[in-house]
Amino acid sequence: MNALSYLTWIVHLTSVFEWLNIISIFILYSKFEKIPFLKKFIFSLIPSFCSALCICTLHFFNNRESYYLLINFQSFLTLISNFILYISILIYKNNINEKSTTR
């Protein structure tokens, strides 16, 4: 754990906790508002959380070369996550537009 300063560790760990909080907030909000799409949307947040875990794991093991595969995996998860989130937001916007036109 000596590869990073304490402040950098704080930034990385708060990023992981931030994703956990976002996911839990969406779970609570979907139960409160009874919006079925949000339950599906939560699954699109999981790759971002896994991406944050990958980079923390790499740094935890002092950036060993044997763990450099995690960098590629983390980049792949970030790419997939951004794509899935974009598609999810488009679907959500279409659902809102359809509901507003049927009222």
PDB file of N, CA and C in Angstrom:
ATOM      1  N   MET A   1       0.818  -1.205   0.000  1.00  0.00           N
ATOM      2  CA  MET A   1       0.000   0.000   0.000  1.00  0.00           C
ATOM      3  C   MET A   1       0.857   1.262   0.000  1.00  0.00           C
ATOM      4  N   ASN A   2       2.139   1.142  -0.204  1.00  0.00           N
ATOM      5  CA  ASN A   2       3.009   2.299  -0.175  1.00  0.00           C
ATOM      6  C   ASN A   2       3.059   3.045  -1.498  1.00  0.00           C
ATOM      7  N   ALA A   3       2.423   2.523  -2.528  1.00  0.00           N
ATOM      8  CA  ALA A   3       2.527   3.133  -3.852  1.00  0.00           C
ATOM      9  C   ALA A   3       1.816   4.477  -3.934  1.00  0.00           C
ATOM     10  N   LEU A   4       0.824   4.706  -3.112  1.00  0.00           N
ATOM     11  CA  LEU A   4       0.049   5.944  -3.175  1.00  0.00           C
ATOM     12  C   LEU A   4       0.099   6.683  -1.850  1.00  0.00           C
ATOM     13  N   SER A   5      -0.098   7.990  -1.934  1.00  0.00           N
ATOM     14  CA  SER A   5      -0.177   8.780  -0.702  1.00  0.00           C
ATOM     15  C   SER A   5      -1.531   8.548  -0.038  1.00  0.00           C
ATOM     16  N   TYR A   6      -1.629   8.963   1.202  1.00  0.00           N
ATOM     17  CA  TYR A   6      -2.895   8.770   1.923  1.00  0.00           C
ATOM     18  C   TYR A   6      -4.034   9.553   1.285  1.00  0.00           C
ATOM     19  N   LEU A   7      -3.747  10.735   0.790  1.00  0.00           N
ATOM     20  CA  LEU A   7      -4.807  11.523   0.164  1.00  0.00           C
ATOM     21  C   LEU A   7      -5.298  10.864  -1.132  1.00  0.00           C
ATOM     22  N   THR A   8      -4.392  10.249  -1.870  1.00  0.00           N
ATOM     23  CA  THR A   8      -4.811   9.549  -3.078  1.00  0.00           C
ATOM     24  C   THR A   8      -5.645   8.328  -2.731  1.00  0.00           C
ATOM     25  N   TRP A   9      -5.283   7.638  -1.649  1.00  0.00           N
ATOM     26  CA  TRP A   9      -6.102   6.512  -1.188  1.00  0.00           C
ATOM     27  C   TRP A   9      -7.486   6.987  -0.790  1.00  0.00           C
ATOM     28  N   ILE A  10      -7.545   8.132  -0.157  1.00  0.00           N
ATOM     29  CA  ILE A  10      -8.858   8.665   0.248  1.00  0.00           C
ATOM     30  C   ILE A  10      -9.716   8.925  -0.983  1.00  0.00           C
ATOM     31  N   VAL A  11      -9.119   9.479  -2.029  1.00  0.00           N
ATOM     32  CA  VAL A  11      -9.866   9.747  -3.260  1.00  0.00           C
ATOM     33  C   VAL A  11     -10.352   8.439  -3.883  1.00  0.00           C
ATOM     34  N   HIS A  12      -9.484   7.442  -3.953  1.00  0.00           N
ATOM     35  CA  HIS A  12      -9.875   6.162  -4.556  1.00  0.00           C
ATOM     36  C   HIS A  12     -10.964   5.465  -3.740  1.00  0.00           C
ATOM     37  N   LEU A  13     -10.801   5.437  -2.454  1.00  0.00           N
ATOM     38  CA  LEU A  13     -11.789   4.741  -1.614  1.00  0.00           C
ATOM     39  C   LEU A  13     -13.122   5.473  -1.571  1.00  0.00           C
ATOM     40  N   THR A  14     -13.082   6.797  -1.560  1.00  0.00           N
ATOM     41  CA  THR A  14     -14.359   7.522  -1.588  1.00  0.00           C
ATOM     42  C   THR A  14     -15.071   7.320  -2.922  1.00  0.00           C
ATOM     43  N   SER A  15     -14.313   7.095  -3.984  1.00  0.00           N
ATOM     44  CA  SER A  15     -14.939   6.788  -5.269  1.00  0.00           C
ATOM     45  C   SER A  15     -15.697   5.468  -5.190  1.00  0.00           C
ATOM     46  N   VAL A  16     -15.090   4.478  -4.554  1.00  0.00           N
ATOM     47  CA  VAL A  16     -15.765   3.183  -4.389  1.00  0.00           C
ATOM     48  C   VAL A  16     -17.018   3.344  -3.527  1.00  0.00           C
ATOM     49  N   PHE A  17     -16.903   4.062  -2.425  1.00  0.00           N
ATOM     50  CA  PHE A  17     -18.069   4.261  -1.555  1.00  0.00           C
ATOM     51  C   PHE A  17     -19.120   5.123  -2.235  1.00  0.00           C
ATOM     52  N   GLU A  18     -18.687   6.020  -3.092  1.00  0.00           N
ATOM     53  CA  GLU A  18     -19.634   6.835  -3.837  1.00  0.00           C
ATOM     54  C   GLU A  18     -20.506   5.964  -4.740  1.00  0.00           C
ATOM     55  N   TRP A  19     -19.897   5.001  -5.434  1.00  0.00           N
ATOM     56  CA  TRP A  19     -20.680   4.114  -6.286  1.00  0.00           C
ATOM     57  C   TRP A  19     -21.633   3.261  -5.462  1.00  0.00           C
ATOM     58  N   LEU A  20     -21.175   2.810  -4.298  1.00  0.00           N
ATOM     59  CA  LEU A  20     -22.079   2.046  -3.427  1.00  0.00           C
ATOM     60  C   LEU A  20     -23.258   2.894  -2.972  1.00  0.00           C
ATOM     61  N   ASN A  21     -22.997   4.141  -2.626  1.00  0.00           N
ATOM     62  CA  ASN A  21     -24.075   5.031  -2.204  1.00  0.00           C
ATOM     63  C   ASN A  21     -25.043   5.327  -3.334  1.00  0.00           C
ATOM     64  N   ILE A  22     -24.519   5.555  -4.518  1.00  0.00           N
ATOM     65  CA  ILE A  22     -25.395   5.826  -5.668  1.00  0.00           C
ATOM     66  C   ILE A  22     -26.300   4.630  -5.940  1.00  0.00           C
ATOM     67  N   ILE A  23     -25.722   3.447  -5.912  1.00  0.00           N
ATOM     68  CA  ILE A  23     -26.522   2.246  -6.160  1.00  0.00           C
ATOM     69  C   ILE A  23     -27.587   2.080  -5.081  1.00  0.00           C
ATOM     70  N   SER A  24     -27.227   2.285  -3.822  1.00  0.00           N
ATOM     71  CA  SER A  24     -28.215   2.141  -2.745  1.00  0.00           C
ATOM     72  C   SER A  24     -29.291   3.219  -2.811  1.00  0.00           C
ATOM     73  N   ILE A  25     -28.921   4.436  -3.198  1.00  0.00           N
ATOM     74  CA  ILE A  25     -29.922   5.501  -3.339  1.00  0.00           C
ATOM     75  C   ILE A  25     -30.908   5.162  -4.446  1.00  0.00           C
ATOM     76  N   PHE A  26     -30.412   4.645  -5.560  1.00  0.00           N
ATOM     77  CA  PHE A  26     -31.308   4.263  -6.648  1.00  0.00           C
ATOM     78  C   PHE A  26     -32.207   3.103  -6.238  1.00  0.00           C
ATOM     79  N   ILE A  27     -31.704   2.187  -5.440  1.00  0.00           N
ATOM     80  CA  ILE A  27     -32.543   1.085  -4.959  1.00  0.00           C
ATOM     81  C   ILE A  27     -33.673   1.625  -4.085  1.00  0.00           C
ATOM     82  N   LEU A  28     -33.337   2.505  -3.154  1.00  0.00           N
ATOM     83  CA  LEU A  28     -34.358   3.092  -2.288  1.00  0.00           C
ATOM     84  C   LEU A  28     -35.349   3.939  -3.074  1.00  0.00           C
ATOM     85  N   TYR A  29     -34.854   4.731  -4.002  1.00  0.00           N
ATOM     86  CA  TYR A  29     -35.731   5.586  -4.795  1.00  0.00           C
ATOM     87  C   TYR A  29     -36.662   4.767  -5.677  1.00  0.00           C
ATOM     88  N   SER A  30     -36.151   3.678  -6.238  1.00  0.00           N
ATOM     89  CA  SER A  30     -37.005   2.848  -7.090  1.00  0.00           C
ATOM     90  C   SER A  30     -38.108   2.174  -6.277  1.00  0.00           C
ATOM     91  N   LYS A  31     -37.811   1.834  -5.034  1.00  0.00           N
ATOM     92  CA  LYS A  31     -38.854   1.256  -4.172  1.00  0.00           C
ATOM     93  C   LYS A  31     -39.864   2.310  -3.751  1.00  0.00           C
ATOM     94  N   PHE A  32     -39.377   3.526  -3.481  1.00  0.00           N
ATOM     95  CA  PHE A  32     -40.253   4.599  -3.019  1.00  0.00           C
ATOM     96  C   PHE A  32     -41.172   5.102  -4.127  1.00  0.00           C
ATOM     97  N   GLU A  33     -40.622   5.323  -5.294  1.00  0.00           N
ATOM     98  CA  GLU A  33     -41.403   5.860  -6.407  1.00  0.00           C
ATOM     99  C   GLU A  33     -42.082   4.783  -7.244  1.00  0.00           C
ATOM    100  N   LYS A  34     -41.692   3.532  -7.041  1.00  0.00           N
ATOM    101  CA  LYS A  34     -42.247   2.394  -7.786  1.00  0.00           C
ATOM    102  C   LYS A  34     -42.089   2.576  -9.302  1.00  0.00           C
ATOM    103  N   ILE A  35     -40.850   2.895  -9.676  1.00  0.00           N
ATOM    104  CA  ILE A  35     -40.510   3.020 -11.090  1.00  0.00           C
ATOM    105  C   ILE A  35     -39.731   1.767 -11.484  1.00  0.00           C
ATOM    106  N   PRO A  36     -40.320   0.881 -12.272  1.00  0.00           N
ATOM    107  CA  PRO A  36     -39.655  -0.391 -12.574  1.00  0.00           C
ATOM    108  C   PRO A  36     -38.370  -0.225 -13.386  1.00  0.00           C
ATOM    109  N   PHE A  37     -38.278   0.846 -14.183  1.00  0.00           N
ATOM    110  CA  PHE A  37     -37.076   1.029 -14.984  1.00  0.00           C
ATOM    111  C   PHE A  37     -35.836   1.232 -14.108  1.00  0.00           C
ATOM    112  N   LEU A  38     -35.995   1.873 -12.979  1.00  0.00           N
ATOM    113  CA  LEU A  38     -34.837   2.153 -12.126  1.00  0.00           C
ATOM    114  C   LEU A  38     -34.208   0.880 -11.582  1.00  0.00           C
ATOM    115  N   LYS A  39     -35.000  -0.143 -11.397  1.00  0.00           N
ATOM    116  CA  LYS A  39     -34.426  -1.415 -10.945  1.00  0.00           C
ATOM    117  C   LYS A  39     -33.498  -1.996 -12.007  1.00  0.00           C
ATOM    118  N   LYS A  40     -33.871  -1.816 -13.265  1.00  0.00           N
ATOM    119  CA  LYS A  40     -33.002  -2.261 -14.353  1.00  0.00           C
ATOM    120  C   LYS A  40     -31.797  -1.334 -14.497  1.00  0.00           C
ATOM    121  N   PHE A  41     -32.012  -0.054 -14.246  1.00  0.00           N
ATOM    122  CA  PHE A  41     -30.936   0.931 -14.360  1.00  0.00           C
ATOM    123  C   PHE A  41     -29.816   0.668 -13.353  1.00  0.00           C
ATOM    124  N   ILE A  42     -30.158   0.122 -12.213  1.00  0.00           N
ATOM    125  CA  ILE A  42     -29.167  -0.169 -11.179  1.00  0.00           C
ATOM    126  C   ILE A  42     -28.099  -1.125 -11.707  1.00  0.00           C
ATOM    127  N   PHE A  43     -28.499  -2.074 -12.532  1.00  0.00           N
ATOM    128  CA  PHE A  43     -27.535  -3.027 -13.080  1.00  0.00           C
ATOM    129  C   PHE A  43     -26.532  -2.358 -14.018  1.00  0.00           C
ATOM    130  N   SER A  44     -26.902  -1.227 -14.580  1.00  0.00           N
ATOM    131  CA  SER A  44     -25.956  -0.532 -15.448  1.00  0.00           C
ATOM    132  C   SER A  44     -24.892   0.221 -14.640  1.00  0.00           C
ATOM    133  N   LEU A  45     -25.104   0.383 -13.347  1.00  0.00           N
ATOM    134  CA  LEU A  45     -24.128   1.049 -12.490  1.00  0.00           C
ATOM    135  C   LEU A  45     -23.060   0.095 -11.958  1.00  0.00           C
ATOM    136  N   ILE A  46     -23.326  -1.177 -11.996  1.00  0.00           N
ATOM    137  CA  ILE A  46     -22.412  -2.163 -11.410  1.00  0.00           C
ATOM    138  C   ILE A  46     -21.054  -2.220 -12.122  1.00  0.00           C
ATOM    139  N   PRO A  47     -20.972  -2.123 -13.466  1.00  0.00           N
ATOM    140  CA  PRO A  47     -19.637  -2.121 -14.075  1.00  0.00           C
ATOM    141  C   PRO A  47     -18.766  -0.947 -13.627  1.00  0.00           C
ATOM    142  N   SER A  48     -19.355   0.202 -13.369  1.00  0.00           N
ATOM    143  CA  SER A  48     -18.570   1.338 -12.867  1.00  0.00           C
ATOM    144  C   SER A  48     -18.019   1.052 -11.480  1.00  0.00           C
ATOM    145  N   PHE A  49     -18.817   0.420 -10.661  1.00  0.00           N
ATOM    146  CA  PHE A  49     -18.356   0.045  -9.331  1.00  0.00           C
ATOM    147  C   PHE A  49     -17.210  -0.967  -9.428  1.00  0.00           C
ATOM    148  N   CYS A  50     -17.360  -1.940 -10.303  1.00  0.00           N
ATOM    149  CA  CYS A  50     -16.294  -2.944 -10.488  1.00  0.00           C
ATOM    150  C   CYS A  50     -15.026  -2.311 -11.046  1.00  0.00           C
ATOM    151  N   SER A  51     -15.171  -1.313 -11.885  1.00  0.00           N
ATOM    152  CA  SER A  51     -14.019  -0.601 -12.422  1.00  0.00           C
ATOM    153  C   SER A  51     -13.249   0.097 -11.305  1.00  0.00           C
ATOM    154  N   ALA A  52     -13.968   0.715 -10.401  1.00  0.00           N
ATOM    155  CA  ALA A  52     -13.316   1.372  -9.259  1.00  0.00           C
ATOM    156  C   ALA A  52     -12.618   0.339  -8.367  1.00  0.00           C
ATOM    157  N   LEU A  53     -13.228  -0.813  -8.188  1.00  0.00           N
ATOM    158  CA  LEU A  53     -12.587  -1.864  -7.393  1.00  0.00           C
ATOM    159  C   LEU A  53     -11.308  -2.379  -8.046  1.00  0.00           C
ATOM    160  N   CYS A  54     -11.314  -2.481  -9.372  1.00  0.00           N
ATOM    161  CA  CYS A  54     -10.120  -2.966 -10.085  1.00  0.00           C
ATOM    162  C   CYS A  54      -8.924  -2.057  -9.834  1.00  0.00           C
ATOM    163  N   ILE A  55      -9.121  -0.769  -9.932  1.00  0.00           N
ATOM    164  CA  ILE A  55      -7.984   0.133  -9.793  1.00  0.00           C
ATOM    165  C   ILE A  55      -7.517   0.194  -8.342  1.00  0.00           C
ATOM    166  N   CYS A  56      -8.434   0.075  -7.393  1.00  0.00           N
ATOM    167  CA  CYS A  56      -8.023   0.031  -5.985  1.00  0.00           C
ATOM    168  C   CYS A  56      -7.240  -1.247  -5.687  1.00  0.00           C
ATOM    169  N   THR A  57      -7.642  -2.351  -6.296  1.00  0.00           N
ATOM    170  CA  THR A  57      -6.918  -3.610  -6.112  1.00  0.00           C
ATOM    171  C   THR A  57      -5.504  -3.506  -6.673  1.00  0.00           C
ATOM    172  N   LEU A  58      -5.374  -2.903  -7.837  1.00  0.00           N
ATOM    173  CA  LEU A  58      -4.056  -2.730  -8.427  1.00  0.00           C
ATOM    174  C   LEU A  58      -3.150  -1.913  -7.515  1.00  0.00           C
ATOM    175  N   HIS A  59      -3.656  -0.832  -7.004  1.00  0.00           N
ATOM    176  CA  HIS A  59      -2.845   0.020  -6.126  1.00  0.00           C
ATOM    177  C   HIS A  59      -2.576  -0.641  -4.774  1.00  0.00           C
ATOM    178  N   PHE A  60      -3.510  -1.441  -4.311  1.00  0.00           N
ATOM    179  CA  PHE A  60      -3.306  -2.116  -3.033  1.00  0.00           C
ATOM    180  C   PHE A  60      -2.102  -3.056  -3.089  1.00  0.00           C
ATOM    181  N   PHE A  61      -1.909  -3.686  -4.232  1.00  0.00           N
ATOM    182  CA  PHE A  61      -0.781  -4.597  -4.395  1.00  0.00           C
ATOM    183  C   PHE A  61       0.441  -3.902  -4.997  1.00  0.00           C
ATOM    184  N   ASN A  62       0.579  -2.619  -4.717  1.00  0.00           N
ATOM    185  CA  ASN A  62       1.752  -1.823  -5.084  1.00  0.00           C
ATOM    186  C   ASN A  62       2.064  -1.833  -6.574  1.00  0.00           C
ATOM    187  N   ASN A  63       1.048  -1.832  -7.387  1.00  0.00           N
ATOM    188  CA  ASN A  63       1.209  -1.758  -8.842  1.00  0.00           C
ATOM    189  C   ASN A  63       2.142  -2.831  -9.391  1.00  0.00           C
ATOM    190  N   ARG A  64       2.052  -4.023  -8.865  1.00  0.00           N
ATOM    191  CA  ARG A  64       2.890  -5.128  -9.363  1.00  0.00           C
ATOM    192  C   ARG A  64       2.572  -5.403 -10.827  1.00  0.00           C
ATOM    193  N   GLU A  65       3.604  -5.772 -11.545  1.00  0.00           N
ATOM    194  CA  GLU A  65       3.418  -6.036 -12.974  1.00  0.00           C
ATOM    195  C   GLU A  65       2.484  -7.217 -13.227  1.00  0.00           C
ATOM    196  N   SER A  66       2.419  -8.141 -12.307  1.00  0.00           N
ATOM    197  CA  SER A  66       1.538  -9.292 -12.500  1.00  0.00           C
ATOM    198  C   SER A  66       0.054  -8.890 -12.441  1.00  0.00           C
ATOM    199  N   TYR A  67      -0.227  -7.700 -11.901  1.00  0.00           N
ATOM    200  CA  TYR A  67      -1.610  -7.229 -11.811  1.00  0.00           C
ATOM    201  C   TYR A  67      -1.948  -6.197 -12.888  1.00  0.00           C
ATOM    202  N   TYR A  68      -1.043  -5.964 -13.840  1.00  0.00           N
ATOM    203  CA  TYR A  68      -1.303  -4.964 -14.869  1.00  0.00           C
ATOM    204  C   TYR A  68      -2.478  -5.333 -15.778  1.00  0.00           C
ATOM    205  N   LEU A  69      -2.861  -6.578 -15.777  1.00  0.00           N
ATOM    206  CA  LEU A  69      -4.057  -6.968 -16.526  1.00  0.00           C
ATOM    207  C   LEU A  69      -5.283  -6.219 -15.997  1.00  0.00           C
ATOM    208  N   LEU A  70      -5.242  -5.864 -14.714  1.00  0.00           N
ATOM    209  CA  LEU A  70      -6.364  -5.123 -14.134  1.00  0.00           C
ATOM    210  C   LEU A  70      -6.542  -3.752 -14.781  1.00  0.00           C
ATOM    211  N   ILE A  71      -5.464  -3.150 -15.261  1.00  0.00           N
ATOM    212  CA  ILE A  71      -5.581  -1.848 -15.920  1.00  0.00           C
ATOM    213  C   ILE A  71      -6.416  -1.985 -17.188  1.00  0.00           C
ATOM    214  N   ASN A  72      -6.127  -3.008 -17.971  1.00  0.00           N
ATOM    215  CA  ASN A  72      -6.910  -3.233 -19.189  1.00  0.00           C
ATOM    216  C   ASN A  72      -8.351  -3.596 -18.863  1.00  0.00           C
ATOM    217  N   PHE A  73      -8.536  -4.402 -17.849  1.00  0.00           N
ATOM    218  CA  PHE A  73      -9.887  -4.796 -17.453  1.00  0.00           C
ATOM    219  C   PHE A  73     -10.668  -3.592 -16.920  1.00  0.00           C
ATOM    220  N   GLN A  74      -9.997  -2.747 -16.155  1.00  0.00           N
ATOM    221  CA  GLN A  74     -10.635  -1.545 -15.631  1.00  0.00           C
ATOM    222  C   GLN A  74     -11.023  -0.606 -16.772  1.00  0.00           C
ATOM    223  N   SER A  75     -10.163  -0.455 -17.754  1.00  0.00           N
ATOM    224  CA  SER A  75     -10.478   0.392 -18.913  1.00  0.00           C
ATOM    225  C   SER A  75     -11.659  -0.175 -19.697  1.00  0.00           C
ATOM    226  N   PHE A  76     -11.666  -1.486 -19.864  1.00  0.00           N
ATOM    227  CA  PHE A  76     -12.769  -2.138 -20.561  1.00  0.00           C
ATOM    228  C   PHE A  76     -14.085  -1.949 -19.802  1.00  0.00           C
ATOM    229  N   LEU A  77     -14.039  -2.117 -18.485  1.00  0.00           N
ATOM    230  CA  LEU A  77     -15.254  -1.927 -17.684  1.00  0.00           C
ATOM    231  C   LEU A  77     -15.754  -0.489 -17.749  1.00  0.00           C
ATOM    232  N   THR A  78     -14.838   0.461 -17.758  1.00  0.00           N
ATOM    233  CA  THR A  78     -15.235   1.866 -17.867  1.00  0.00           C
ATOM    234  C   THR A  78     -15.897   2.135 -19.214  1.00  0.00           C
ATOM    235  N   LEU A  79     -15.328   1.601 -20.280  1.00  0.00           N
ATOM    236  CA  LEU A  79     -15.912   1.766 -21.606  1.00  0.00           C
ATOM    237  C   LEU A  79     -17.306   1.149 -21.674  1.00  0.00           C
ATOM    238  N   ILE A  80     -17.427  -0.072 -21.215  1.00  0.00           N
ATOM    239  CA  ILE A  80     -18.722  -0.765 -21.220  1.00  0.00           C
ATOM    240  C   ILE A  80     -19.729  -0.026 -20.341  1.00  0.00           C
ATOM    241  N   SER A  81     -19.282   0.399 -19.190  1.00  0.00           N
ATOM    242  CA  SER A  81     -20.162   1.098 -18.261  1.00  0.00           C
ATOM    243  C   SER A  81     -20.688   2.399 -18.856  1.00  0.00           C
ATOM    244  N   ASN A  82     -19.810   3.167 -19.470  1.00  0.00           N
ATOM    245  CA  ASN A  82     -20.249   4.427 -20.082  1.00  0.00           C
ATOM    246  C   ASN A  82     -21.248   4.176 -21.200  1.00  0.00           C
ATOM    247  N   PHE A  83     -21.006   3.148 -21.989  1.00  0.00           N
ATOM    248  CA  PHE A  83     -21.925   2.805 -23.068  1.00  0.00           C
ATOM    249  C   PHE A  83     -23.277   2.362 -22.517  1.00  0.00           C
ATOM    250  N   ILE A  84     -23.260   1.499 -21.507  1.00  0.00           N
ATOM    251  CA  ILE A  84     -24.508   1.006 -20.921  1.00  0.00           C
ATOM    252  C   ILE A  84     -25.288   2.144 -20.255  1.00  0.00           C
ATOM    253  N   LEU A  85     -24.588   3.032 -19.559  1.00  0.00           N
ATOM    254  CA  LEU A  85     -25.270   4.162 -18.933  1.00  0.00           C
ATOM    255  C   LEU A  85     -25.900   5.082 -19.979  1.00  0.00           C
ATOM    256  N   TYR A  86     -25.199   5.302 -21.066  1.00  0.00           N
ATOM    257  CA  TYR A  86     -25.743   6.132 -22.140  1.00  0.00           C
ATOM    258  C   TYR A  86     -27.015   5.507 -22.717  1.00  0.00           C
ATOM    259  N   ILE A  87     -26.983   4.224 -22.995  1.00  0.00           N
ATOM    260  CA  ILE A  87     -28.160   3.526 -23.530  1.00  0.00           C
ATOM    261  C   ILE A  87     -29.304   3.564 -22.516  1.00  0.00           C
ATOM    262  N   SER A  88     -28.982   3.375 -21.246  1.00  0.00           N
ATOM    263  CA  SER A  88     -30.015   3.395 -20.201  1.00  0.00           C
ATOM    264  C   SER A  88     -30.686   4.758 -20.109  1.00  0.00           C
ATOM    265  N   ILE A  89     -29.901   5.813 -20.223  1.00  0.00           N
ATOM    266  CA  ILE A  89     -30.479   7.154 -20.157  1.00  0.00           C
ATOM    267  C   ILE A  89     -31.359   7.420 -21.374  1.00  0.00           C
ATOM    268  N   LEU A  90     -30.944   6.963 -22.532  1.00  0.00           N
ATOM    269  CA  LEU A  90     -31.791   7.120 -23.719  1.00  0.00           C
ATOM    270  C   LEU A  90     -33.117   6.382 -23.561  1.00  0.00           C
ATOM    271  N   ILE A  91     -33.067   5.181 -23.031  1.00  0.00           N
ATOM    272  CA  ILE A  91     -34.293   4.410 -22.803  1.00  0.00           C
ATOM    273  C   ILE A  91     -35.183   5.126 -21.790  1.00  0.00           C
ATOM    274  N   TYR A  92     -34.567   5.659 -20.746  1.00  0.00           N
ATOM    275  CA  TYR A  92     -35.336   6.373 -19.722  1.00  0.00           C
ATOM    276  C   TYR A  92     -35.999   7.621 -20.314  1.00  0.00           C
ATOM    277  N   LYS A  93     -35.272   8.363 -21.134  1.00  0.00           N
ATOM    278  CA  LYS A  93     -35.851   9.552 -21.768  1.00  0.00           C
ATOM    279  C   LYS A  93     -37.012   9.169 -22.672  1.00  0.00           C
ATOM    280  N   ASN A  94     -36.877   8.070 -23.400  1.00  0.00           N
ATOM    281  CA  ASN A  94     -37.974   7.622 -24.258  1.00  0.00           C
ATOM    282  C   ASN A  94     -39.188   7.231 -23.434  1.00  0.00           C
ATOM    283  N   ASN A  95     -38.970   6.595 -22.294  1.00  0.00           N
ATOM    284  CA  ASN A  95     -40.087   6.225 -21.419  1.00  0.00           C
ATOM    285  C   ASN A  95     -40.793   7.460 -20.889  1.00  0.00           C
ATOM    286  N   ILE A  96     -40.037   8.467 -20.521  1.00  0.00           N
ATOM    287  CA  ILE A  96     -40.646   9.697 -20.013  1.00  0.00           C
ATOM    288  C   ILE A  96     -41.418  10.399 -21.114  1.00  0.00           C
ATOM    289  N   ASN A  97     -40.847  10.460 -22.315  1.00  0.00           N
ATOM    290  CA  ASN A  97     -41.539  11.108 -23.439  1.00  0.00           C
ATOM    291  C   ASN A  97     -42.824  10.384 -23.801  1.00  0.00           C
ATOM    292  N   GLU A  98     -42.807   9.058 -23.759  1.00  0.00           N
ATOM    293  CA  GLU A  98     -44.014   8.294 -24.051  1.00  0.00           C
ATOM    294  C   GLU A  98     -45.101   8.528 -23.005  1.00  0.00           C
ATOM    295  N   LYS A  99     -44.699   8.612 -21.753  1.00  0.00           N
ATOM    296  CA  LYS A  99     -45.671   8.850 -20.687  1.00  0.00           C
ATOM    297  C   LYS A  99     -46.249  10.240 -20.786  1.00  0.00           C
ATOM    298  N   SER A 100     -45.436  11.226 -21.148  1.00  0.00           N
ATOM    299  CA  SER A 100     -45.936  12.594 -21.229  1.00  0.00           C
ATOM    300  C   SER A 100     -46.883  12.778 -22.421  1.00  0.00           C
ATOM    301  N   THR A 101     -46.664  12.032 -23.492  1.00  0.00           N
ATOM    302  CA  THR A 101     -47.557  12.160 -24.657  1.00  0.00           C
ATOM    303  C   THR A 101     -48.867  11.407 -24.447  1.00  0.00           C
ATOM    304  N   THR A 102     -48.882  10.391 -23.569  1.00  0.00           N
ATOM    305  CA  THR A 102     -50.119   9.636 -23.361  1.00  0.00           C
ATOM    306  C   THR A 102     -51.021  10.314 -22.343  1.00  0.00           C
ATOM    307  N   ARG A 103     -50.534  11.278 -21.639  1.00  0.00           N
ATOM    308  CA  ARG A 103     -51.372  11.955 -20.610  1.00  0.00           C
ATOM    309  C   ARG A 103     -52.291  12.920 -21.212  1.00  0.00           C
TER     310      ARG A 103
END
